[in-house]
Amino acid sequence: MKIKEIRGLGTQELQNKNNELLEELFRLKIRHASGQLDSTATLGKMRKEIARVATVLKEKEAAN
């Protein structure tokens, strides 16, 4: 997701998205550990996506 798309989400939606991304990162780590992950670059991309969502969530919480 682009940062503009993330900023368009509400606080509850951001929290849900963050939880989904954390679960997906966990699944990717399991696949990586078992040797089933084709591209390890997806781990980095997922971490960056989580950081984007967390940053916007903090911005929205600080604004309230």
Protein backbone atom coordinates (compact mmCIF):
# COMPACT_ATOMS: atom_id res chain seq x y z
CA MET A 1 0.00 0.00 0.00
CA LYS A 2 1.07 3.52 -0.68
CA ILE A 3 1.36 6.00 2.19
CA LYS A 4 -1.58 8.01 0.83
CA GLU A 5 -3.77 4.91 0.92
CA ILE A 6 -2.67 4.19 4.48
CA ARG A 7 -3.38 7.75 5.63
CA GLY A 8 -6.91 7.43 4.20
CA LEU A 9 -7.74 4.61 6.62
CA GLY A 10 -9.33 5.14 10.02
CA THR A 11 -7.70 4.29 13.33
CA GLN A 12 -9.55 0.99 13.76
CA GLU A 13 -8.79 -0.01 10.18
CA LEU A 14 -5.10 0.77 10.75
CA GLN A 15 -5.03 -1.40 13.86
CA ASN A 16 -6.66 -4.25 11.97
CA LYS A 17 -4.24 -3.82 9.06
CA ASN A 18 -1.29 -3.81 11.46
CA ASN A 19 -2.46 -7.06 13.06
CA GLU A 20 -2.92 -8.68 9.63
CA LEU A 21 0.56 -7.60 8.55
CA LEU A 22 2.14 -8.92 11.76
CA GLU A 23 0.45 -12.29 11.24
CA GLU A 24 1.63 -12.39 7.64
CA LEU A 25 5.20 -11.54 8.72
CA PHE A 26 5.05 -14.40 11.22
CA ARG A 27 3.95 -16.79 8.47
CA LEU A 28 6.75 -15.57 6.20
CA LYS A 29 9.32 -16.12 8.96
CA ILE A 30 8.08 -19.67 9.45
CA ARG A 31 8.33 -20.33 5.70
CA HIS A 32 11.83 -18.81 5.66
CA ALA A 33 12.97 -20.98 8.55
CA SER A 34 11.68 -24.12 6.85
CA GLY A 35 13.32 -23.17 3.55
CA GLN A 36 10.07 -22.73 1.61
CA LEU A 37 10.36 -18.99 1.03
CA ASP A 38 11.47 -18.17 -2.50
CA SER A 39 12.41 -14.53 -2.05
CA THR A 40 13.72 -13.21 1.26
CA ALA A 41 13.12 -9.68 0.00
CA THR A 42 9.46 -10.10 0.94
CA LEU A 43 10.47 -10.10 4.60
CA GLY A 44 11.99 -6.63 4.28
CA LYS A 45 9.03 -5.34 2.32
CA MET A 46 6.64 -6.63 4.97
CA ARG A 47 8.66 -4.98 7.76
CA LYS A 48 8.57 -1.66 5.92
CA GLU A 49 4.83 -1.95 5.39
CA ILE A 50 4.34 -2.60 9.11
CA ALA A 51 6.48 0.43 9.93
CA ARG A 52 4.41 2.63 7.60
CA VAL A 53 1.15 1.55 9.19
CA ALA A 54 2.56 1.97 12.70
CA THR A 55 3.83 5.47 11.88
CA VAL A 56 0.49 6.65 10.54
CA LEU A 57 -1.30 5.05 13.49
CA LYS A 58 0.92 6.98 15.92
CA GLU A 59 0.33 10.20 13.96
CA LYS A 60 -3.44 9.73 14.18
CA GLU A 61 -3.32 8.90 17.88
CA ALA A 62 -1.18 11.97 18.58
CA ALA A 63 -3.62 14.18 16.66
CA ASN A 64 -6.52 13.07 18.90
